[in-house]
């Protein structure tokens, strides 16, 4: 299951996000999105979890919860729409 995670502190790394989500199940990948020009994190990313049930538990528990002083936005990732 692919999960969108937004409103993240720029100081967080992929390992930090994996630690948080691994409390709910097995995390396959974590990808924090960076600006192509500057390499600076954009404050959002994606978490892939092996089991959909675990992903749903993580979304329910973490959406709106606070991490490093910011309320996370956590929901099912939408497919990217081609322009």
Protein backbone atom coordinates (compact mmCIF):
# COMPACT_ATOMS: atom_id res chain seq x y z
CA UNK A 1 0.00 0.00 0.00
CA UNK A 2 1.37 3.41 -0.99
CA UNK A 3 0.82 6.15 1.60
CA UNK A 4 1.24 9.91 1.23
CA UNK A 5 2.82 11.66 4.24
CA UNK A 6 2.77 15.44 4.31
CA UNK A 7 3.47 18.47 6.52
CA UNK A 8 6.76 16.94 7.68
CA UNK A 9 9.55 18.79 9.43
CA UNK A 10 12.46 19.37 7.05
CA UNK A 11 14.83 17.93 9.67
CA UNK A 12 13.29 14.44 9.42
CA UNK A 13 15.06 11.76 7.41
CA UNK A 14 13.74 8.63 5.73
CA UNK A 15 14.96 6.53 8.69
CA UNK A 16 12.87 8.66 11.08
CA UNK A 17 9.72 8.12 9.01
CA UNK A 18 10.40 4.40 8.69
CA UNK A 19 10.72 4.12 12.49
CA UNK A 20 7.33 5.78 13.00
CA UNK A 21 5.50 3.66 10.40
CA UNK A 22 7.18 0.37 11.38
CA UNK A 23 5.15 0.48 14.61
CA UNK A 24 2.17 -0.51 12.42
CA UNK A 25 3.73 -3.12 10.12
CA UNK A 26 6.49 -3.86 7.64
CA UNK A 27 7.68 -0.83 5.67
CA UNK A 28 8.96 -1.63 2.16
CA UNK A 29 10.25 1.82 1.19
CA UNK A 30 10.27 5.45 2.32
CA UNK A 31 10.88 8.24 -0.19
CA UNK A 32 11.06 11.88 0.92
CA UNK A 33 10.66 14.28 -1.99
CA UNK A 34 13.39 16.86 -2.61
CA UNK A 35 13.54 19.96 -4.79
CA UNK A 36 15.50 19.10 -7.95
CA UNK A 37 17.33 22.43 -8.09
CA UNK A 38 18.32 22.83 -4.44
CA UNK A 39 18.16 19.29 -3.06
CA UNK A 40 16.15 20.64 -0.12
CA UNK A 41 13.37 18.46 1.26
CA UNK A 42 9.86 19.59 0.34
CA UNK A 43 8.18 18.37 3.55
CA UNK A 44 6.33 15.39 2.11
CA UNK A 45 6.97 11.91 0.87
CA UNK A 46 5.64 8.40 0.38
CA UNK A 47 5.73 5.25 2.47
CA UNK A 48 5.13 1.83 0.93
CA UNK A 49 3.83 -0.78 3.38
CA UNK A 50 3.69 -4.48 2.54
CA UNK A 51 0.20 -5.14 3.93
CA UNK A 52 -2.82 -2.98 3.14
CA UNK A 53 -4.30 -3.68 6.58
CA UNK A 54 -1.13 -2.35 8.25
CA UNK A 55 -1.18 0.70 6.00
CA UNK A 56 -4.78 1.45 6.97
CA UNK A 57 -3.86 1.14 10.67
CA UNK A 58 -0.96 3.55 10.19
CA UNK A 59 -3.15 6.07 8.35
CA UNK A 60 -5.82 5.94 11.05
CA UNK A 61 -3.31 6.31 13.87
CA UNK A 62 -0.95 8.87 12.34
CA UNK A 63 -3.13 11.26 10.32
CA UNK A 64 -3.28 14.49 12.33
CA UNK A 65 -0.75 13.27 14.89
CA UNK A 66 2.18 15.48 15.81
CA UNK A 67 5.77 14.73 14.86
CA UNK A 68 8.48 17.27 15.71
CA UNK A 69 5.89 19.98 16.31
CA UNK A 70 3.96 19.51 13.05
CA UNK A 71 0.64 17.73 12.48
CA UNK A 72 1.19 15.11 9.81
CA UNK A 73 -1.17 14.57 6.89
CA UNK A 74 -1.30 10.82 6.23
CA UNK A 75 -3.57 9.22 3.61
CA UNK A 76 -3.68 6.79 0.72
CA UNK A 77 -1.47 8.08 -2.09
CA UNK A 78 -3.27 8.96 -5.32
CA UNK A 79 -1.92 7.94 -8.68
CA UNK A 80 0.04 10.69 -10.43
CA UNK A 81 -1.96 12.22 -13.27
CA UNK A 82 -0.05 12.86 -16.50
CA UNK A 83 -0.41 16.35 -17.96
